[in-house]
PDB file of N, CA and C in Angstrom:
ATOM      1  N   MET A   1      -5.278  19.267  38.850  1.00  0.00           N
ATOM      2  CA  MET A   1      -4.334  19.076  37.776  1.00  0.00           C
ATOM      3  C   MET A   1      -3.517  17.801  38.004  1.00  0.00           C
ATOM      4  N   ARG A   2      -3.220  17.525  39.264  1.00  0.00           N
ATOM      5  CA  ARG A   2      -2.423  16.338  39.579  1.00  0.00           C
ATOM      6  C   ARG A   2      -3.099  15.071  39.051  1.00  0.00           C
ATOM      7  N   GLU A   3      -4.399  14.937  39.309  1.00  0.00           N
ATOM      8  CA  GLU A   3      -5.136  13.770  38.834  1.00  0.00           C
ATOM      9  C   GLU A   3      -5.278  13.802  37.317  1.00  0.00           C
ATOM     10  N   GLU A   4      -5.582  14.965  36.783  1.00  0.00           N
ATOM     11  CA  GLU A   4      -5.795  15.108  35.336  1.00  0.00           C
ATOM     12  C   GLU A   4      -4.562  14.687  34.537  1.00  0.00           C
ATOM     13  N   LYS A   5      -3.382  15.022  35.024  1.00  0.00           N
ATOM     14  CA  LYS A   5      -2.128  14.726  34.321  1.00  0.00           C
ATOM     15  C   LYS A   5      -1.440  13.467  34.852  1.00  0.00           C
ATOM     16  N   SER A   6      -2.075  12.804  35.824  1.00  0.00           N
ATOM     17  CA  SER A   6      -1.515  11.599  36.449  1.00  0.00           C
ATOM     18  C   SER A   6      -0.101  11.832  36.975  1.00  0.00           C
ATOM     19  N   LEU A   7       0.074  12.945  37.665  1.00  0.00           N
ATOM     20  CA  LEU A   7       1.385  13.289  38.218  1.00  0.00           C
ATOM     21  C   LEU A   7       1.625  12.503  39.499  1.00  0.00           C
ATOM     22  N   THR A   8       2.868  12.152  39.730  1.00  0.00           N
ATOM     23  CA  THR A   8       3.210  11.364  40.916  1.00  0.00           C
ATOM     24  C   THR A   8       3.921  12.196  41.972  1.00  0.00           C
ATOM     25  N   PHE A   9       3.950  13.493  41.786  1.00  0.00           N
ATOM     26  CA  PHE A   9       4.605  14.363  42.749  1.00  0.00           C
ATOM     27  C   PHE A   9       3.631  15.438  43.214  1.00  0.00           C
ATOM     28  N   GLU A  10       3.962  16.046  44.319  1.00  0.00           N
ATOM     29  CA  GLU A  10       3.100  17.069  44.920  1.00  0.00           C
ATOM     30  C   GLU A  10       3.193  18.373  44.140  1.00  0.00           C
ATOM     31  N   LEU A  11       2.058  19.025  43.968  1.00  0.00           N
ATOM     32  CA  LEU A  11       2.001  20.353  43.356  1.00  0.00           C
ATOM     33  C   LEU A  11       1.650  21.365  44.434  1.00  0.00           C
ATOM     34  N   LEU A  12       2.270  22.504  44.354  1.00  0.00           N
ATOM     35  CA  LEU A  12       1.978  23.570  45.300  1.00  0.00           C
ATOM     36  C   LEU A  12       1.248  24.690  44.580  1.00  0.00           C
ATOM     37  N   SER A  13       0.400  25.382  45.290  1.00  0.00           N
ATOM     38  CA  SER A  13      -0.365  26.485  44.730  1.00  0.00           C
ATOM     39  C   SER A  13      -0.101  27.741  45.548  1.00  0.00           C
ATOM     40  N   ASP A  14      -0.190  28.886  44.900  1.00  0.00           N
ATOM     41  CA  ASP A  14       0.063  30.149  45.576  1.00  0.00           C
ATOM     42  C   ASP A  14      -1.040  31.155  45.227  1.00  0.00           C
ATOM     43  N   PRO A  15      -2.249  30.943  45.779  1.00  0.00           N
ATOM     44  CA  PRO A  15      -3.351  31.852  45.469  1.00  0.00           C
ATOM     45  C   PRO A  15      -2.988  33.303  45.785  1.00  0.00           C
ATOM     46  N   GLY A  16      -3.241  34.159  44.821  1.00  0.00           N
ATOM     47  CA  GLY A  16      -2.950  35.584  44.996  1.00  0.00           C
ATOM     48  C   GLY A  16      -1.464  35.901  44.967  1.00  0.00           C
ATOM     49  N   ASN A  17      -0.647  34.915  44.670  1.00  0.00           N
ATOM     50  CA  ASN A  17       0.810  35.095  44.592  1.00  0.00           C
ATOM     51  C   ASN A  17       1.408  35.632  45.888  1.00  0.00           C
ATOM     52  N   LYS A  18       0.834  35.212  47.022  1.00  0.00           N
ATOM     53  CA  LYS A  18       1.297  35.700  48.334  1.00  0.00           C
ATOM     54  C   LYS A  18       2.722  35.238  48.653  1.00  0.00           C
ATOM     55  N   THR A  19       3.020  33.961  48.386  1.00  0.00           N
ATOM     56  CA  THR A  19       4.369  33.464  48.644  1.00  0.00           C
ATOM     57  C   THR A  19       5.363  34.131  47.705  1.00  0.00           C
ATOM     58  N   GLY A  20       5.001  34.220  46.433  1.00  0.00           N
ATOM     59  CA  GLY A  20       5.864  34.903  45.469  1.00  0.00           C
ATOM     60  C   GLY A  20       6.152  36.334  45.893  1.00  0.00           C
ATOM     61  N   GLU A  21       5.136  37.009  46.394  1.00  0.00           N
ATOM     62  CA  GLU A  21       5.311  38.388  46.857  1.00  0.00           C
ATOM     63  C   GLU A  21       6.306  38.450  48.016  1.00  0.00           C
ATOM     64  N   SER A  22       6.229  37.495  48.928  1.00  0.00           N
ATOM     65  CA  SER A  22       7.123  37.526  50.087  1.00  0.00           C
ATOM     66  C   SER A  22       8.590  37.350  49.683  1.00  0.00           C
ATOM     67  N   TYR A  23       8.821  36.752  48.507  1.00  0.00           N
ATOM     68  CA  TYR A  23      10.184  36.585  48.000  1.00  0.00           C
ATOM     69  C   TYR A  23      10.534  37.608  46.915  1.00  0.00           C
ATOM     70  N   GLY A  24       9.657  38.575  46.691  1.00  0.00           N
ATOM     71  CA  GLY A  24       9.908  39.586  45.673  1.00  0.00           C
ATOM     72  C   GLY A  24       9.766  39.051  44.262  1.00  0.00           C
ATOM     73  N   LEU A  25       8.923  38.028  44.087  1.00  0.00           N
ATOM     74  CA  LEU A  25       8.764  37.377  42.789  1.00  0.00           C
ATOM     75  C   LEU A  25       7.355  37.560  42.229  1.00  0.00           C
ATOM     76  N   LYS A  26       6.832  38.767  42.370  1.00  0.00           N
ATOM     77  CA  LYS A  26       5.472  39.050  41.906  1.00  0.00           C
ATOM     78  C   LYS A  26       5.493  40.252  40.971  1.00  0.00           C
ATOM     79  N   PHE A  27       4.787  40.117  39.852  1.00  0.00           N
ATOM     80  CA  PHE A  27       4.705  41.160  38.830  1.00  0.00           C
ATOM     81  C   PHE A  27       3.310  41.762  38.841  1.00  0.00           C
ATOM     82  N   GLN A  28       3.225  43.072  39.026  1.00  0.00           N
ATOM     83  CA  GLN A  28       1.941  43.778  38.984  1.00  0.00           C
ATOM     84  C   GLN A  28       1.667  44.179  37.542  1.00  0.00           C
ATOM     85  N   MET A  29       0.602  43.645  36.964  1.00  0.00           N
ATOM     86  CA  MET A  29       0.295  43.922  35.562  1.00  0.00           C
ATOM     87  C   MET A  29      -0.179  45.359  35.383  1.00  0.00           C
ATOM     88  N   PRO A  30       0.427  46.096  34.435  1.00  0.00           N
ATOM     89  CA  PRO A  30      -0.042  47.453  34.159  1.00  0.00           C
ATOM     90  C   PRO A  30      -1.415  47.422  33.469  1.00  0.00           C
ATOM     91  N   VAL A  31      -2.131  48.515  33.559  1.00  0.00           N
ATOM     92  CA  VAL A  31      -3.495  48.596  33.019  1.00  0.00           C
ATOM     93  C   VAL A  31      -3.527  48.221  31.538  1.00  0.00           C
ATOM     94  N   LYS A  32      -2.562  48.682  30.754  1.00  0.00           N
ATOM     95  CA  LYS A  32      -2.544  48.366  29.314  1.00  0.00           C
ATOM     96  C   LYS A  32      -2.484  46.855  29.085  1.00  0.00           C
ATOM     97  N   LEU A  33      -1.684  46.162  29.864  1.00  0.00           N
ATOM     98  CA  LEU A  33      -1.565  44.716  29.711  1.00  0.00           C
ATOM     99  C   LEU A  33      -2.832  44.004  30.188  1.00  0.00           C
ATOM    100  N   ARG A  34      -3.456  44.539  31.207  1.00  0.00           N
ATOM    101  CA  ARG A  34      -4.719  43.963  31.687  1.00  0.00           C
ATOM    102  C   ARG A  34      -5.760  43.976  30.571  1.00  0.00           C
ATOM    103  N   LYS A  35      -5.798  45.089  29.849  1.00  0.00           N
ATOM    104  CA  LYS A  35      -6.765  45.219  28.752  1.00  0.00           C
ATOM    105  C   LYS A  35      -6.501  44.179  27.670  1.00  0.00           C
ATOM    106  N   VAL A  36      -5.238  43.944  27.357  1.00  0.00           N
ATOM    107  CA  VAL A  36      -4.887  42.947  26.342  1.00  0.00           C
ATOM    108  C   VAL A  36      -5.352  41.562  26.795  1.00  0.00           C
ATOM    109  N   TYR A  37      -5.050  41.205  28.034  1.00  0.00           N
ATOM    110  CA  TYR A  37      -5.452  39.899  28.555  1.00  0.00           C
ATOM    111  C   TYR A  37      -6.973  39.772  28.541  1.00  0.00           C
ATOM    112  N   SER A  38      -7.664  40.822  28.910  1.00  0.00           N
ATOM    113  CA  SER A  38      -9.126  40.798  28.927  1.00  0.00           C
ATOM    114  C   SER A  38      -9.693  40.590  27.529  1.00  0.00           C
ATOM    115  N   GLN A  39      -9.051  41.166  26.515  1.00  0.00           N
ATOM    116  CA  GLN A  39      -9.508  40.994  25.131  1.00  0.00           C
ATOM    117  C   GLN A  39      -9.424  39.534  24.688  1.00  0.00           C
ATOM    118  N   PHE A  40      -8.510  38.782  25.298  1.00  0.00           N
ATOM    119  CA  PHE A  40      -8.364  37.368  24.980  1.00  0.00           C
ATOM    120  C   PHE A  40      -9.099  36.483  25.995  1.00  0.00           C
ATOM    121  N   SER A  41      -9.969  37.105  26.788  1.00  0.00           N
ATOM    122  CA  SER A  41     -10.765  36.409  27.808  1.00  0.00           C
ATOM    123  C   SER A  41      -9.898  35.655  28.811  1.00  0.00           C
ATOM    124  N   ILE A  42      -8.735  36.212  29.124  1.00  0.00           N
ATOM    125  CA  ILE A  42      -7.867  35.639  30.153  1.00  0.00           C
ATOM    126  C   ILE A  42      -8.158  36.386  31.448  1.00  0.00           C
ATOM    127  N   ASP A  43      -8.776  35.691  32.384  1.00  0.00           N
ATOM    128  CA  ASP A  43      -9.205  36.299  33.640  1.00  0.00           C
ATOM    129  C   ASP A  43      -8.158  36.017  34.728  1.00  0.00           C
ATOM    130  N   VAL A  44      -7.143  36.857  34.792  1.00  0.00           N
ATOM    131  CA  VAL A  44      -6.047  36.679  35.744  1.00  0.00           C
ATOM    132  C   VAL A  44      -6.550  36.657  37.187  1.00  0.00           C
ATOM    133  N   PRO A  45      -7.405  37.593  37.602  1.00  0.00           N
ATOM    134  CA  PRO A  45      -7.890  37.540  38.983  1.00  0.00           C
ATOM    135  C   PRO A  45      -8.582  36.218  39.333  1.00  0.00           C
ATOM    136  N   ALA A  46      -9.333  35.646  38.399  1.00  0.00           N
ATOM    137  CA  ALA A  46     -10.000  34.365  38.669  1.00  0.00           C
ATOM    138  C   ALA A  46      -8.967  33.252  38.866  1.00  0.00           C
ATOM    139  N   HIS A  47      -7.912  33.266  38.068  1.00  0.00           N
ATOM    140  CA  HIS A  47      -6.846  32.265  38.224  1.00  0.00           C
ATOM    141  C   HIS A  47      -6.104  32.448  39.541  1.00  0.00           C
ATOM    142  N   ASN A  48      -5.980  33.707  39.986  1.00  0.00           N
ATOM    143  CA  ASN A  48      -5.277  34.002  41.235  1.00  0.00           C
ATOM    144  C   ASN A  48      -6.113  33.673  42.467  1.00  0.00           C
ATOM    145  N   GLY A  49      -7.409  33.609  42.289  1.00  0.00           N
ATOM    146  CA  GLY A  49      -8.275  33.345  43.436  1.00  0.00           C
ATOM    147  C   GLY A  49      -8.540  34.583  44.268  1.00  0.00           C
ATOM    148  N   ASP A  50      -8.289  35.749  43.693  1.00  0.00           N
ATOM    149  CA  ASP A  50      -8.581  37.017  44.366  1.00  0.00           C
ATOM    150  C   ASP A  50      -8.806  38.073  43.287  1.00  0.00           C
ATOM    151  N   ASP A  51      -8.772  39.341  43.641  1.00  0.00           N
ATOM    152  CA  ASP A  51      -9.029  40.386  42.644  1.00  0.00           C
ATOM    153  C   ASP A  51      -7.745  41.032  42.113  1.00  0.00           C
ATOM    154  N   SER A  52      -6.598  40.372  42.320  1.00  0.00           N
ATOM    155  CA  SER A  52      -5.330  40.975  41.894  1.00  0.00           C
ATOM    156  C   SER A  52      -5.026  40.694  40.431  1.00  0.00           C
ATOM    157  N   TRP A  53      -4.346  41.626  39.839  1.00  0.00           N
ATOM    158  CA  TRP A  53      -3.827  41.476  38.480  1.00  0.00           C
ATOM    159  C   TRP A  53      -2.317  41.307  38.599  1.00  0.00           C
ATOM    160  N   THR A  54      -1.919  40.210  39.212  1.00  0.00           N
ATOM    161  CA  THR A  54      -0.492  39.950  39.400  1.00  0.00           C
ATOM    162  C   THR A  54      -0.144  38.587  38.816  1.00  0.00           C
ATOM    163  N   LEU A  55       1.108  38.454  38.442  1.00  0.00           N
ATOM    164  CA  LEU A  55       1.638  37.190  37.942  1.00  0.00           C
ATOM    165  C   LEU A  55       2.948  36.904  38.669  1.00  0.00           C
ATOM    166  N   PRO A  56       3.253  35.634  38.881  1.00  0.00           N
ATOM    167  CA  PRO A  56       4.546  35.321  39.485  1.00  0.00           C
ATOM    168  C   PRO A  56       5.653  35.500  38.466  1.00  0.00           C
ATOM    169  N   LEU A  57       6.812  35.944  38.920  1.00  0.00           N
ATOM    170  CA  LEU A  57       7.964  35.978  38.039  1.00  0.00           C
ATOM    171  C   LEU A  57       8.439  34.549  37.822  1.00  0.00           C
ATOM    172  N   SER A  58       9.007  34.323  36.682  1.00  0.00           N
ATOM    173  CA  SER A  58       9.526  33.007  36.359  1.00  0.00           C
ATOM    174  C   SER A  58      10.796  32.771  37.171  1.00  0.00           C
ATOM    175  N   ALA A  59      10.791  31.725  37.982  1.00  0.00           N
ATOM    176  CA  ALA A  59      11.955  31.450  38.825  1.00  0.00           C
ATOM    177  C   ALA A  59      12.092  29.954  39.044  1.00  0.00           C
ATOM    178  N   ARG A  60      13.332  29.533  39.187  1.00  0.00           N
ATOM    179  CA  ARG A  60      13.622  28.138  39.508  1.00  0.00           C
ATOM    180  C   ARG A  60      14.787  28.123  40.480  1.00  0.00           C
ATOM    181  N   PHE A  61      14.643  27.344  41.545  1.00  0.00           N
ATOM    182  CA  PHE A  61      15.677  27.248  42.573  1.00  0.00           C
ATOM    183  C   PHE A  61      16.041  25.789  42.789  1.00  0.00           C
ATOM    184  N   ILE A  62      17.309  25.542  43.057  1.00  0.00           N
ATOM    185  CA  ILE A  62      17.753  24.232  43.526  1.00  0.00           C
ATOM    186  C   ILE A  62      18.224  24.462  44.950  1.00  0.00           C
ATOM    187  N   ILE A  63      17.548  23.795  45.882  1.00  0.00           N
ATOM    188  CA  ILE A  63      17.823  23.968  47.306  1.00  0.00           C
ATOM    189  C   ILE A  63      18.259  22.618  47.866  1.00  0.00           C
ATOM    190  N   ASP A  64      19.390  22.607  48.550  1.00  0.00           N
ATOM    191  CA  ASP A  64      19.882  21.332  49.076  1.00  0.00           C
ATOM    192  C   ASP A  64      19.133  20.940  50.350  1.00  0.00           C
ATOM    193  N   LYS A  65      19.432  19.763  50.862  1.00  0.00           N
ATOM    194  CA  LYS A  65      18.733  19.246  52.042  1.00  0.00           C
ATOM    195  C   LYS A  65      18.944  20.118  53.274  1.00  0.00           C
ATOM    196  N   GLY A  66      20.016  20.905  53.283  1.00  0.00           N
ATOM    197  CA  GLY A  66      20.283  21.806  54.399  1.00  0.00           C
ATOM    198  C   GLY A  66      19.601  23.151  54.266  1.00  0.00           C
ATOM    199  N   GLY A  67      18.829  23.325  53.175  1.00  0.00           N
ATOM    200  CA  GLY A  67      18.103  24.571  52.967  1.00  0.00           C
ATOM    201  C   GLY A  67      18.916  25.663  52.286  1.00  0.00           C
ATOM    202  N   ILE A  68      20.088  25.312  51.749  1.00  0.00           N
ATOM    203  CA  ILE A  68      20.940  26.294  51.071  1.00  0.00           C
ATOM    204  C   ILE A  68      20.602  26.328  49.588  1.00  0.00           C
ATOM    205  N   ILE A  69      20.376  27.526  49.073  1.00  0.00           N
ATOM    206  CA  ILE A  69      20.099  27.682  47.645  1.00  0.00           C
ATOM    207  C   ILE A  69      21.400  27.477  46.888  1.00  0.00           C
ATOM    208  N   ARG A  70      21.442  26.447  46.064  1.00  0.00           N
ATOM    209  CA  ARG A  70      22.633  26.103  45.287  1.00  0.00           C
ATOM    210  C   ARG A  70      22.582  26.647  43.868  1.00  0.00           C
ATOM    211  N   TYR A  71      21.381  26.993  43.417  1.00  0.00           N
ATOM    212  CA  TYR A  71      21.220  27.542  42.069  1.00  0.00           C
ATOM    213  C   TYR A  71      19.922  28.327  42.040  1.00  0.00           C
ATOM    214  N   ALA A  72      19.949  29.465  41.360  1.00  0.00           N
ATOM    215  CA  ALA A  72      18.733  30.269  41.188  1.00  0.00           C
ATOM    216  C   ALA A  72      18.723  30.866  39.792  1.00  0.00           C
ATOM    217  N   GLU A  73      17.573  30.826  39.191  1.00  0.00           N
ATOM    218  CA  GLU A  73      17.365  31.455  37.885  1.00  0.00           C
ATOM    219  C   GLU A  73      16.045  32.213  37.971  1.00  0.00           C
ATOM    220  N   ILE A  74      16.101  33.528  37.780  1.00  0.00           N
ATOM    221  CA  ILE A  74      14.921  34.374  37.891  1.00  0.00           C
ATOM    222  C   ILE A  74      14.894  35.304  36.691  1.00  0.00           C
ATOM    223  N   SER A  75      13.730  35.446  36.092  1.00  0.00           N
ATOM    224  CA  SER A  75      13.577  36.371  34.969  1.00  0.00           C
ATOM    225  C   SER A  75      12.553  37.437  35.334  1.00  0.00           C
ATOM    226  N   MET A  76      12.898  38.670  35.091  1.00  0.00           N
ATOM    227  CA  MET A  76      11.954  39.762  35.330  1.00  0.00           C
ATOM    228  C   MET A  76      10.846  39.767  34.272  1.00  0.00           C
ATOM    229  N   ASP A  77      11.074  39.049  33.165  1.00  0.00           N
ATOM    230  CA  ASP A  77      10.063  38.908  32.122  1.00  0.00           C
ATOM    231  C   ASP A  77       9.248  37.660  32.438  1.00  0.00           C
ATOM    232  N   TYR A  78       8.028  37.843  32.903  1.00  0.00           N
ATOM    233  CA  TYR A  78       7.206  36.723  33.345  1.00  0.00           C
ATOM    234  C   TYR A  78       6.877  35.741  32.215  1.00  0.00           C
ATOM    235  N   THR A  79       7.128  36.111  30.961  1.00  0.00           N
ATOM    236  CA  THR A  79       6.845  35.209  29.846  1.00  0.00           C
ATOM    237  C   THR A  79       8.011  34.260  29.557  1.00  0.00           C
ATOM    238  N   VAL A  80       9.171  34.508  30.163  1.00  0.00           N
ATOM    239  CA  VAL A  80      10.347  33.665  29.956  1.00  0.00           C
ATOM    240  C   VAL A  80      10.354  32.577  31.019  1.00  0.00           C
ATOM    241  N   ARG A  81      10.476  31.345  30.584  1.00  0.00           N
ATOM    242  CA  ARG A  81      10.483  30.206  31.503  1.00  0.00           C
ATOM    243  C   ARG A  81      11.836  29.505  31.431  1.00  0.00           C
ATOM    244  N   PRO A  82      12.371  29.103  32.586  1.00  0.00           N
ATOM    245  CA  PRO A  82      13.644  28.376  32.566  1.00  0.00           C
ATOM    246  C   PRO A  82      13.515  27.064  31.794  1.00  0.00           C
ATOM    247  N   ASP A  83      14.539  26.724  31.051  1.00  0.00           N
ATOM    248  CA  ASP A  83      14.576  25.481  30.297  1.00  0.00           C
ATOM    249  C   ASP A  83      14.830  24.327  31.262  1.00  0.00           C
ATOM    250  N   PRO A  84      13.948  23.333  31.327  1.00  0.00           N
ATOM    251  CA  PRO A  84      14.156  22.207  32.241  1.00  0.00           C
ATOM    252  C   PRO A  84      15.500  21.503  32.022  1.00  0.00           C
ATOM    253  N   GLU A  85      15.944  21.390  30.790  1.00  0.00           N
ATOM    254  CA  GLU A  85      17.220  20.719  30.510  1.00  0.00           C
ATOM    255  C   GLU A  85      18.377  21.446  31.191  1.00  0.00           C
ATOM    256  N   HIS A  86      18.308  22.765  31.209  1.00  0.00           N
ATOM    257  CA  HIS A  86      19.338  23.567  31.877  1.00  0.00           C
ATOM    258  C   HIS A  86      19.359  23.251  33.381  1.00  0.00           C
ATOM    259  N   THR A  87      18.183  23.100  33.962  1.00  0.00           N
ATOM    260  CA  THR A  87      18.080  22.769  35.381  1.00  0.00           C
ATOM    261  C   THR A  87      18.654  21.380  35.654  1.00  0.00           C
ATOM    262  N   PHE A  88      18.363  20.422  34.784  1.00  0.00           N
ATOM    263  CA  PHE A  88      18.924  19.071  34.944  1.00  0.00           C
ATOM    264  C   PHE A  88      20.452  19.099  34.897  1.00  0.00           C
ATOM    265  N   GLU A  89      20.997  19.917  33.999  1.00  0.00           N
ATOM    266  CA  GLU A  89      22.456  20.045  33.914  1.00  0.00           C
ATOM    267  C   GLU A  89      23.030  20.561  35.235  1.00  0.00           C
ATOM    268  N   LYS A  90      22.398  21.560  35.829  1.00  0.00           N
ATOM    269  CA  LYS A  90      22.850  22.110  37.103  1.00  0.00           C
ATOM    270  C   LYS A  90      22.764  21.069  38.215  1.00  0.00           C
ATOM    271  N   LEU A  91      21.685  20.292  38.203  1.00  0.00           N
ATOM    272  CA  LEU A  91      21.540  19.237  39.203  1.00  0.00           C
ATOM    273  C   LEU A  91      22.658  18.197  39.069  1.00  0.00           C
ATOM    274  N   LYS A  92      22.998  17.842  37.851  1.00  0.00           N
ATOM    275  CA  LYS A  92      24.066  16.860  37.617  1.00  0.00           C
ATOM    276  C   LYS A  92      25.402  17.405  38.140  1.00  0.00           C
ATOM    277  N   LEU A  93      25.664  18.686  37.935  1.00  0.00           N
ATOM    278  CA  LEU A  93      26.907  19.290  38.410  1.00  0.00           C
ATOM    279  C   LEU A  93      26.983  19.269  39.933  1.00  0.00           C
ATOM    280  N   LEU A  94      25.872  19.484  40.599  1.00  0.00           N
ATOM    281  CA  LEU A  94      25.842  19.491  42.050  1.00  0.00           C
ATOM    282  C   LEU A  94      26.002  18.096  42.634  1.00  0.00           C
ATOM    283  N   LYS A  95      25.618  17.106  41.868  1.00  0.00           N
ATOM    284  CA  LYS A  95      25.686  15.717  42.324  1.00  0.00           C
ATOM    285  C   LYS A  95      27.147  15.250  42.439  1.00  0.00           C
ATOM    286  N   ASP A  96      27.987  15.756  41.553  1.00  0.00           N
ATOM    287  CA  ASP A  96      29.410  15.335  41.530  1.00  0.00           C
ATOM    288  C   ASP A  96      30.198  15.791  42.724  1.00  0.00           C
TER     289      ASP A  96
END
């Protein structure tokens, strides 16, 4: 994806959502939802790189150079994504 989108920053991957799980940021898809995704030919296990039907929770953290979390936004609804503009505003506040 990095080459495809000509990105200049590093991308991280979390096959099987192992890192997300270690932070409590993993959603186990119920059977009913699995069926819906399958009807739309969305193969979650293939995207995960294993046989799990899990998705990461939507989360964004601002961590300072000392490793202290200065801002966190987490949604239990995996379909909700943090607004990047909101994150930029938080970064500007921390800069002052």
